PDB file of N, CA and C in Angstrom:
ATOM      1  N   PRO A   1       8.875  27.666 -16.967  1.00  0.00           N
ATOM      2  CA  PRO A   1       8.585  27.997 -15.576  1.00  0.00           C
ATOM      3  C   PRO A   1       7.100  28.348 -15.400  1.00  0.00           C
ATOM      4  N   ASN A   2       6.613  28.135 -14.191  1.00  0.00           N
ATOM      5  CA  ASN A   2       5.228  28.440 -13.871  1.00  0.00           C
ATOM      6  C   ASN A   2       5.095  29.936 -13.599  1.00  0.00           C
ATOM      7  N   ARG A   3       4.428  30.646 -14.483  1.00  0.00           N
ATOM      8  CA  ARG A   3       4.311  32.101 -14.343  1.00  0.00           C
ATOM      9  C   ARG A   3       3.077  32.508 -13.544  1.00  0.00           C
ATOM     10  N   ARG A   4       2.488  31.548 -12.867  1.00  0.00           N
ATOM     11  CA  ARG A   4       1.322  31.861 -12.043  1.00  0.00           C
ATOM     12  C   ARG A   4       1.738  32.283 -10.646  1.00  0.00           C
ATOM     13  N   ARG A   5       3.032  32.180 -10.349  1.00  0.00           N
ATOM     14  CA  ARG A   5       3.578  32.583  -9.053  1.00  0.00           C
ATOM     15  C   ARG A   5       4.733  33.542  -9.281  1.00  0.00           C
ATOM     16  N   TRP A   6       4.897  34.456  -8.352  1.00  0.00           N
ATOM     17  CA  TRP A   6       6.018  35.374  -8.404  1.00  0.00           C
ATOM     18  C   TRP A   6       6.285  35.871  -6.990  1.00  0.00           C
ATOM     19  N   ARG A   7       7.417  36.504  -6.810  1.00  0.00           N
ATOM     20  CA  ARG A   7       7.806  37.006  -5.485  1.00  0.00           C
ATOM     21  C   ARG A   7       7.709  38.529  -5.449  1.00  0.00           C
ATOM     22  N   VAL A   8       7.261  39.013  -4.311  1.00  0.00           N
ATOM     23  CA  VAL A   8       7.290  40.435  -3.991  1.00  0.00           C
ATOM     24  C   VAL A   8       8.022  40.513  -2.659  1.00  0.00           C
ATOM     25  N   GLY A   9       9.282  40.919  -2.728  1.00  0.00           N
ATOM     26  CA  GLY A   9      10.107  40.857  -1.532  1.00  0.00           C
ATOM     27  C   GLY A   9      10.306  39.402  -1.147  1.00  0.00           C
ATOM     28  N   ARG A  10       9.971  39.060   0.086  1.00  0.00           N
ATOM     29  CA  ARG A  10      10.077  37.674   0.549  1.00  0.00           C
ATOM     30  C   ARG A  10       8.769  36.913   0.404  1.00  0.00           C
ATOM     31  N   GLU A  11       7.745  37.576  -0.042  1.00  0.00           N
ATOM     32  CA  GLU A  11       6.414  36.977  -0.128  1.00  0.00           C
ATOM     33  C   GLU A  11       6.130  36.422  -1.522  1.00  0.00           C
ATOM     34  N   GLU A  12       5.623  35.191  -1.546  1.00  0.00           N
ATOM     35  CA  GLU A  12       5.236  34.589  -2.821  1.00  0.00           C
ATOM     36  C   GLU A  12       3.786  34.946  -3.110  1.00  0.00           C
ATOM     37  N   ARG A  13       3.500  35.322  -4.345  1.00  0.00           N
ATOM     38  CA  ARG A  13       2.144  35.666  -4.766  1.00  0.00           C
ATOM     39  C   ARG A  13       1.677  34.696  -5.843  1.00  0.00           C
ATOM     40  N   HIS A  14       0.364  34.610  -5.989  1.00  0.00           N
ATOM     41  CA  HIS A  14      -0.249  33.740  -6.989  1.00  0.00           C
ATOM     42  C   HIS A  14      -1.329  34.526  -7.705  1.00  0.00           C
ATOM     43  N   HIS A  15      -1.592  34.176  -8.964  1.00  0.00           N
ATOM     44  CA  HIS A  15      -2.596  34.930  -9.730  1.00  0.00           C
ATOM     45  C   HIS A  15      -4.023  34.667  -9.264  1.00  0.00           C
ATOM     46  N   LEU A  16      -4.261  33.561  -8.535  1.00  0.00           N
ATOM     47  CA  LEU A  16      -5.596  33.308  -7.986  1.00  0.00           C
ATOM     48  C   LEU A  16      -5.704  33.942  -6.600  1.00  0.00           C
ATOM     49  N   VAL A  17      -6.808  34.630  -6.379  1.00  0.00           N
ATOM     50  CA  VAL A  17      -7.073  35.252  -5.084  1.00  0.00           C
ATOM     51  C   VAL A  17      -8.106  34.408  -4.356  1.00  0.00           C
ATOM     52  N   ASP A  18      -7.804  34.064  -3.122  1.00  0.00           N
ATOM     53  CA  ASP A  18      -8.711  33.263  -2.308  1.00  0.00           C
ATOM     54  C   ASP A  18      -9.819  34.176  -1.785  1.00  0.00           C
ATOM     55  N   PRO A  19     -11.076  33.933  -2.181  1.00  0.00           N
ATOM     56  CA  PRO A  19     -12.158  34.829  -1.738  1.00  0.00           C
ATOM     57  C   PRO A  19     -12.405  34.784  -0.230  1.00  0.00           C
ATOM     58  N   ARG A  20     -11.937  33.733   0.441  1.00  0.00           N
ATOM     59  CA  ARG A  20     -12.107  33.642   1.899  1.00  0.00           C
ATOM     60  C   ARG A  20     -11.202  34.626   2.627  1.00  0.00           C
ATOM     61  N   THR A  21     -10.043  34.907   2.048  1.00  0.00           N
ATOM     62  CA  THR A  21      -9.068  35.779   2.705  1.00  0.00           C
ATOM     63  C   THR A  21      -8.828  37.074   1.941  1.00  0.00           C
ATOM     64  N   VAL A  22      -9.241  37.111   0.693  1.00  0.00           N
ATOM     65  CA  VAL A  22      -8.995  38.215  -0.233  1.00  0.00           C
ATOM     66  C   VAL A  22      -7.488  38.442  -0.406  1.00  0.00           C
ATOM     67  N   LEU A  23      -6.731  37.364  -0.288  1.00  0.00           N
ATOM     68  CA  LEU A  23      -5.286  37.405  -0.474  1.00  0.00           C
ATOM     69  C   LEU A  23      -4.894  36.440  -1.586  1.00  0.00           C
ATOM     70  N   SER A  24      -3.708  36.612  -2.091  1.00  0.00           N
ATOM     71  CA  SER A  24      -3.158  35.703  -3.079  1.00  0.00           C
ATOM     72  C   SER A  24      -3.164  34.288  -2.515  1.00  0.00           C
ATOM     73  N   SER A  25      -3.484  33.315  -3.351  1.00  0.00           N
ATOM     74  CA  SER A  25      -3.604  31.930  -2.907  1.00  0.00           C
ATOM     75  C   SER A  25      -2.342  31.436  -2.210  1.00  0.00           C
ATOM     76  N   ALA A  26      -2.562  30.646  -1.164  1.00  0.00           N
ATOM     77  CA  ALA A  26      -1.463  30.016  -0.441  1.00  0.00           C
ATOM     78  C   ALA A  26      -1.623  28.496  -0.506  1.00  0.00           C
ATOM     79  N   SER A  27      -2.104  27.987  -1.625  1.00  0.00           N
ATOM     80  CA  SER A  27      -2.378  26.565  -1.781  1.00  0.00           C
ATOM     81  C   SER A  27      -1.122  25.723  -1.633  1.00  0.00           C
ATOM     82  N   ASP A  28      -1.325  24.494  -1.165  1.00  0.00           N
ATOM     83  CA  ASP A  28      -0.221  23.538  -1.078  1.00  0.00           C
ATOM     84  C   ASP A  28      -0.089  22.729  -2.366  1.00  0.00           C
ATOM     85  N   LEU A  29      -0.855  23.112  -3.393  1.00  0.00           N
ATOM     86  CA  LEU A  29      -0.814  22.418  -4.683  1.00  0.00           C
ATOM     87  C   LEU A  29      -0.107  23.268  -5.732  1.00  0.00           C
ATOM     88  N   ALA A  30       0.503  22.589  -6.683  1.00  0.00           N
ATOM     89  CA  ALA A  30       1.145  23.286  -7.797  1.00  0.00           C
ATOM     90  C   ALA A  30       0.184  23.451  -8.969  1.00  0.00           C
ATOM     91  N   GLN A  31      -0.708  22.452  -9.147  1.00  0.00           N
ATOM     92  CA  GLN A  31      -1.596  22.460 -10.308  1.00  0.00           C
ATOM     93  C   GLN A  31      -2.751  21.497 -10.067  1.00  0.00           C
ATOM     94  N   VAL A  32      -3.901  21.774 -10.681  1.00  0.00           N
ATOM     95  CA  VAL A  32      -5.069  20.897 -10.586  1.00  0.00           C
ATOM     96  C   VAL A  32      -5.707  20.788 -11.962  1.00  0.00           C
ATOM     97  N   THR A  33      -6.046  19.569 -12.354  1.00  0.00           N
ATOM     98  CA  THR A  33      -6.816  19.316 -13.566  1.00  0.00           C
ATOM     99  C   THR A  33      -8.082  18.588 -13.151  1.00  0.00           C
ATOM    100  N   VAL A  34      -9.226  19.046 -13.666  1.00  0.00           N
ATOM    101  CA  VAL A  34     -10.511  18.448 -13.295  1.00  0.00           C
ATOM    102  C   VAL A  34     -11.187  17.882 -14.526  1.00  0.00           C
ATOM    103  N   LEU A  35     -11.792  16.708 -14.363  1.00  0.00           N
ATOM    104  CA  LEU A  35     -12.643  16.113 -15.382  1.00  0.00           C
ATOM    105  C   LEU A  35     -14.079  16.338 -14.939  1.00  0.00           C
ATOM    106  N   ALA A  36     -14.878  16.965 -15.812  1.00  0.00           N
ATOM    107  CA  ALA A  36     -16.270  17.281 -15.485  1.00  0.00           C
ATOM    108  C   ALA A  36     -17.108  17.174 -16.752  1.00  0.00           C
ATOM    109  N   GLN A  37     -18.414  17.385 -16.605  1.00  0.00           N
ATOM    110  CA  GLN A  37     -19.335  17.242 -17.732  1.00  0.00           C
ATOM    111  C   GLN A  37     -19.196  18.352 -18.767  1.00  0.00           C
ATOM    112  N   SER A  38     -18.544  19.445 -18.426  1.00  0.00           N
ATOM    113  CA  SER A  38     -18.331  20.524 -19.389  1.00  0.00           C
ATOM    114  C   SER A  38     -17.002  21.209 -19.082  1.00  0.00           C
ATOM    115  N   ALA A  39     -16.476  21.880 -20.069  1.00  0.00           N
ATOM    116  CA  ALA A  39     -15.224  22.617 -19.885  1.00  0.00           C
ATOM    117  C   ALA A  39     -15.396  23.730 -18.862  1.00  0.00           C
ATOM    118  N   GLU A  40     -16.563  24.361 -18.852  1.00  0.00           N
ATOM    119  CA  GLU A  40     -16.815  25.443 -17.906  1.00  0.00           C
ATOM    120  C   GLU A  40     -16.775  24.942 -16.469  1.00  0.00           C
ATOM    121  N   ARG A  41     -17.440  23.799 -16.211  1.00  0.00           N
ATOM    122  CA  ARG A  41     -17.425  23.213 -14.861  1.00  0.00           C
ATOM    123  C   ARG A  41     -16.007  22.799 -14.474  1.00  0.00           C
ATOM    124  N   ALA A  42     -15.294  22.205 -15.409  1.00  0.00           N
ATOM    125  CA  ALA A  42     -13.925  21.777 -15.124  1.00  0.00           C
ATOM    126  C   ALA A  42     -13.053  22.971 -14.742  1.00  0.00           C
ATOM    127  N   ASP A  43     -13.203  24.067 -15.452  1.00  0.00           N
ATOM    128  CA  ASP A  43     -12.411  25.271 -15.177  1.00  0.00           C
ATOM    129  C   ASP A  43     -12.721  25.839 -13.796  1.00  0.00           C
ATOM    130  N   VAL A  44     -13.998  25.986 -13.490  1.00  0.00           N
ATOM    131  CA  VAL A  44     -14.403  26.537 -12.193  1.00  0.00           C
ATOM    132  C   VAL A  44     -13.953  25.631 -11.059  1.00  0.00           C
ATOM    133  N   PHE A  45     -14.169  24.317 -11.194  1.00  0.00           N
ATOM    134  CA  PHE A  45     -13.814  23.414 -10.112  1.00  0.00           C
ATOM    135  C   PHE A  45     -12.307  23.222  -9.985  1.00  0.00           C
ATOM    136  N   ALA A  46     -11.552  23.357 -11.055  1.00  0.00           N
ATOM    137  CA  ALA A  46     -10.094  23.284 -10.937  1.00  0.00           C
ATOM    138  C   ALA A  46      -9.587  24.420 -10.056  1.00  0.00           C
ATOM    139  N   LYS A  47     -10.113  25.611 -10.260  1.00  0.00           N
ATOM    140  CA  LYS A  47      -9.717  26.757  -9.429  1.00  0.00           C
ATOM    141  C   LYS A  47     -10.172  26.550  -7.986  1.00  0.00           C
ATOM    142  N   THR A  48     -11.390  26.050  -7.822  1.00  0.00           N
ATOM    143  CA  THR A  48     -11.923  25.800  -6.482  1.00  0.00           C
ATOM    144  C   THR A  48     -11.056  24.804  -5.724  1.00  0.00           C
ATOM    145  N   LEU A  49     -10.737  23.678  -6.365  1.00  0.00           N
ATOM    146  CA  LEU A  49      -9.926  22.652  -5.710  1.00  0.00           C
ATOM    147  C   LEU A  49      -8.536  23.177  -5.397  1.00  0.00           C
ATOM    148  N   TYR A  50      -7.974  23.950  -6.306  1.00  0.00           N
ATOM    149  CA  TYR A  50      -6.653  24.533  -6.071  1.00  0.00           C
ATOM    150  C   TYR A  50      -6.677  25.375  -4.797  1.00  0.00           C
ATOM    151  N   LEU A  51      -7.682  26.237  -4.694  1.00  0.00           N
ATOM    152  CA  LEU A  51      -7.773  27.121  -3.532  1.00  0.00           C
ATOM    153  C   LEU A  51      -8.025  26.350  -2.237  1.00  0.00           C
ATOM    154  N   LEU A  52      -8.750  25.239  -2.319  1.00  0.00           N
ATOM    155  CA  LEU A  52      -9.025  24.426  -1.130  1.00  0.00           C
ATOM    156  C   LEU A  52      -7.802  23.675  -0.633  1.00  0.00           C
ATOM    157  N   GLY A  53      -6.834  23.429  -1.508  1.00  0.00           N
ATOM    158  CA  GLY A  53      -5.663  22.656  -1.128  1.00  0.00           C
ATOM    159  C   GLY A  53      -5.964  21.168  -1.170  1.00  0.00           C
ATOM    160  N   GLU A  54      -4.944  20.351  -0.953  1.00  0.00           N
ATOM    161  CA  GLU A  54      -5.086  18.903  -1.135  1.00  0.00           C
ATOM    162  C   GLU A  54      -6.178  18.284  -0.258  1.00  0.00           C
ATOM    163  N   ARG A  55      -6.173  18.552   1.027  1.00  0.00           N
ATOM    164  CA  ARG A  55      -7.179  17.936   1.913  1.00  0.00           C
ATOM    165  C   ARG A  55      -8.582  18.406   1.575  1.00  0.00           C
ATOM    166  N   GLY A  56      -8.750  19.704   1.360  1.00  0.00           N
ATOM    167  CA  GLY A  56     -10.068  20.233   1.024  1.00  0.00           C
ATOM    168  C   GLY A  56     -10.549  19.730  -0.319  1.00  0.00           C
ATOM    169  N   ALA A  57      -9.644  19.610  -1.276  1.00  0.00           N
ATOM    170  CA  ALA A  57     -10.000  19.099  -2.607  1.00  0.00           C
ATOM    171  C   ALA A  57     -10.486  17.663  -2.520  1.00  0.00           C
ATOM    172  N   ALA A  58      -9.808  16.854  -1.731  1.00  0.00           N
ATOM    173  CA  ALA A  58     -10.211  15.450  -1.577  1.00  0.00           C
ATOM    174  C   ALA A  58     -11.615  15.355  -0.985  1.00  0.00           C
ATOM    175  N   ALA A  59     -11.897  16.156   0.021  1.00  0.00           N
ATOM    176  CA  ALA A  59     -13.220  16.149   0.643  1.00  0.00           C
ATOM    177  C   ALA A  59     -14.283  16.643  -0.345  1.00  0.00           C
ATOM    178  N   PHE A  60     -13.963  17.653  -1.125  1.00  0.00           N
ATOM    179  CA  PHE A  60     -14.910  18.217  -2.094  1.00  0.00           C
ATOM    180  C   PHE A  60     -15.262  17.187  -3.166  1.00  0.00           C
ATOM    181  N   VAL A  61     -14.255  16.531  -3.725  1.00  0.00           N
ATOM    182  CA  VAL A  61     -14.506  15.531  -4.773  1.00  0.00           C
ATOM    183  C   VAL A  61     -15.272  14.340  -4.200  1.00  0.00           C
ATOM    184  N   ALA A  62     -15.020  13.984  -2.960  1.00  0.00           N
ATOM    185  CA  ALA A  62     -15.761  12.887  -2.332  1.00  0.00           C
ATOM    186  C   ALA A  62     -17.251  13.210  -2.247  1.00  0.00           C
ATOM    187  N   ARG A  63     -17.591  14.491  -2.101  1.00  0.00           N
ATOM    188  CA  ARG A  63     -18.999  14.914  -2.033  1.00  0.00           C
ATOM    189  C   ARG A  63     -19.619  15.143  -3.405  1.00  0.00           C
ATOM    190  N   HIS A  64     -18.803  15.280  -4.439  1.00  0.00           N
ATOM    191  CA  HIS A  64     -19.281  15.566  -5.798  1.00  0.00           C
ATOM    192  C   HIS A  64     -18.818  14.442  -6.727  1.00  0.00           C
ATOM    193  N   ARG A  65     -19.561  13.371  -6.741  1.00  0.00           N
ATOM    194  CA  ARG A  65     -19.148  12.154  -7.451  1.00  0.00           C
ATOM    195  C   ARG A  65     -19.130  12.306  -8.967  1.00  0.00           C
ATOM    196  N   ASP A  66     -19.624  13.424  -9.495  1.00  0.00           N
ATOM    197  CA  ASP A  66     -19.570  13.653 -10.938  1.00  0.00           C
ATOM    198  C   ASP A  66     -18.254  14.304 -11.359  1.00  0.00           C
ATOM    199  N   LEU A  67     -17.335  14.508 -10.412  1.00  0.00           N
ATOM    200  CA  LEU A  67     -16.033  15.120 -10.706  1.00  0.00           C
ATOM    201  C   LEU A  67     -14.911  14.118 -10.459  1.00  0.00           C
ATOM    202  N   ALA A  68     -13.845  14.303 -11.192  1.00  0.00           N
ATOM    203  CA  ALA A  68     -12.589  13.602 -10.934  1.00  0.00           C
ATOM    204  C   ALA A  68     -11.481  14.636 -11.100  1.00  0.00           C
ATOM    205  N   ALA A  69     -10.371  14.413 -10.437  1.00  0.00           N
ATOM    206  CA  ALA A  69      -9.313  15.416 -10.495  1.00  0.00           C
ATOM    207  C   ALA A  69      -7.935  14.785 -10.376  1.00  0.00           C
ATOM    208  N   VAL A  70      -6.975  15.472 -10.953  1.00  0.00           N
ATOM    209  CA  VAL A  70      -5.564  15.151 -10.789  1.00  0.00           C
ATOM    210  C   VAL A  70      -4.945  16.327 -10.052  1.00  0.00           C
ATOM    211  N   LEU A  71      -4.433  16.060  -8.858  1.00  0.00           N
ATOM    212  CA  LEU A  71      -3.756  17.092  -8.081  1.00  0.00           C
ATOM    213  C   LEU A  71      -2.254  16.913  -8.255  1.00  0.00           C
ATOM    214  N   VAL A  72      -1.563  17.992  -8.521  1.00  0.00           N
ATOM    215  CA  VAL A  72      -0.102  17.965  -8.602  1.00  0.00           C
ATOM    216  C   VAL A  72       0.418  18.727  -7.393  1.00  0.00           C
ATOM    217  N   ARG A  73       1.140  17.998  -6.559  1.00  0.00           N
ATOM    218  CA  ARG A  73       1.707  18.599  -5.356  1.00  0.00           C
ATOM    219  C   ARG A  73       2.934  19.437  -5.727  1.00  0.00           C
ATOM    220  N   MET A  74       3.384  20.241  -4.803  1.00  0.00           N
ATOM    221  CA  MET A  74       4.546  21.111  -5.029  1.00  0.00           C
ATOM    222  C   MET A  74       5.808  20.324  -5.375  1.00  0.00           C
ATOM    223  N   ASP A  75       5.908  19.084  -4.874  1.00  0.00           N
ATOM    224  CA  ASP A  75       7.094  18.280  -5.175  1.00  0.00           C
ATOM    225  C   ASP A  75       6.974  17.532  -6.507  1.00  0.00           C
ATOM    226  N   GLY A  76       5.856  17.752  -7.228  1.00  0.00           N
ATOM    227  CA  GLY A  76       5.671  17.128  -8.537  1.00  0.00           C
ATOM    228  C   GLY A  76       4.932  15.803  -8.507  1.00  0.00           C
ATOM    229  N   THR A  77       4.698  15.238  -7.326  1.00  0.00           N
ATOM    230  CA  THR A  77       3.941  13.995  -7.246  1.00  0.00           C
ATOM    231  C   THR A  77       2.462  14.285  -7.477  1.00  0.00           C
ATOM    232  N   THR A  78       1.724  13.262  -7.888  1.00  0.00           N
ATOM    233  CA  THR A  78       0.314  13.456  -8.202  1.00  0.00           C
ATOM    234  C   THR A  78      -0.577  12.618  -7.304  1.00  0.00           C
ATOM    235  N   ARG A  79      -1.818  13.049  -7.224  1.00  0.00           N
ATOM    236  CA  ARG A  79      -2.860  12.315  -6.504  1.00  0.00           C
ATOM    237  C   ARG A  79      -4.116  12.344  -7.369  1.00  0.00           C
ATOM    238  N   LEU A  80      -4.690  11.176  -7.611  1.00  0.00           N
ATOM    239  CA  LEU A  80      -5.921  11.076  -8.394  1.00  0.00           C
ATOM    240  C   LEU A  80      -7.105  11.031  -7.441  1.00  0.00           C
ATOM    241  N   LEU A  81      -8.143  11.801  -7.760  1.00  0.00           N
ATOM    242  CA  LEU A  81      -9.358  11.841  -6.953  1.00  0.00           C
ATOM    243  C   LEU A  81     -10.556  11.496  -7.826  1.00  0.00           C
ATOM    244  N   GLY A  82     -11.519  10.796  -7.276  1.00  0.00           N
ATOM    245  CA  GLY A  82     -12.728  10.476  -8.010  1.00  0.00           C
ATOM    246  C   GLY A  82     -12.510   9.297  -8.938  1.00  0.00           C
ATOM    247  N   GLU A  83     -13.543   9.013  -9.686  1.00  0.00           N
ATOM    248  CA  GLU A  83     -13.492   7.875 -10.600  1.00  0.00           C
ATOM    249  C   GLU A  83     -13.112   8.331 -12.001  1.00  0.00           C
ATOM    250  N   MET A  84     -12.041   7.751 -12.510  1.00  0.00           N
ATOM    251  CA  MET A  84     -11.615   8.037 -13.883  1.00  0.00           C
ATOM    252  C   MET A  84     -10.895   6.812 -14.411  1.00  0.00           C
ATOM    253  N   GLU A  85     -10.930   6.697 -15.683  1.00  0.00           N
ATOM    254  CA  GLU A  85     -10.217   5.587 -16.323  1.00  0.00           C
ATOM    255  C   GLU A  85      -8.841   6.079 -16.738  1.00  0.00           C
ATOM    256  N   VAL A  86      -7.809   5.391 -16.281  1.00  0.00           N
ATOM    257  CA  VAL A  86      -6.438   5.724 -16.657  1.00  0.00           C
ATOM    258  C   VAL A  86      -6.026   4.780 -17.766  1.00  0.00           C
ATOM    259  N   VAL A  87      -5.627   5.340 -18.894  1.00  0.00           N
ATOM    260  CA  VAL A  87      -5.267   4.550 -20.062  1.00  0.00           C
ATOM    261  C   VAL A  87      -3.775   4.742 -20.345  1.00  0.00           C
ATOM    262  N   ASP A  88      -3.043   3.647 -20.415  1.00  0.00           N
ATOM    263  CA  ASP A  88      -1.633   3.730 -20.778  1.00  0.00           C
ATOM    264  C   ASP A  88      -1.525   3.936 -22.282  1.00  0.00           C
ATOM    265  N   ALA A  89      -0.693   4.879 -22.666  1.00  0.00           N
ATOM    266  CA  ALA A  89      -0.533   5.181 -24.100  1.00  0.00           C
ATOM    267  C   ALA A  89       0.452   4.241 -24.748  1.00  0.00           C
TER     268      ALA A  89
END
């Protein structure tokens, strides 16, 4: 199970806090993986894209052509952003 979310009463909480609201994240995404020039950049931008949600993440990656990302929606479907090579194993 994903331990990054939990319930407090009827409210769902997330371990990431959105600095715009100072509240637990309310992202429409379940998970984000970012490909970047360094692990540090990938980590920071994965959190950023998660907090922005699917539409905001797509716009962000469109402006930052050195990034690529895999967004996992709440229903488990994925969306690829940016340029990356997909290799079948």
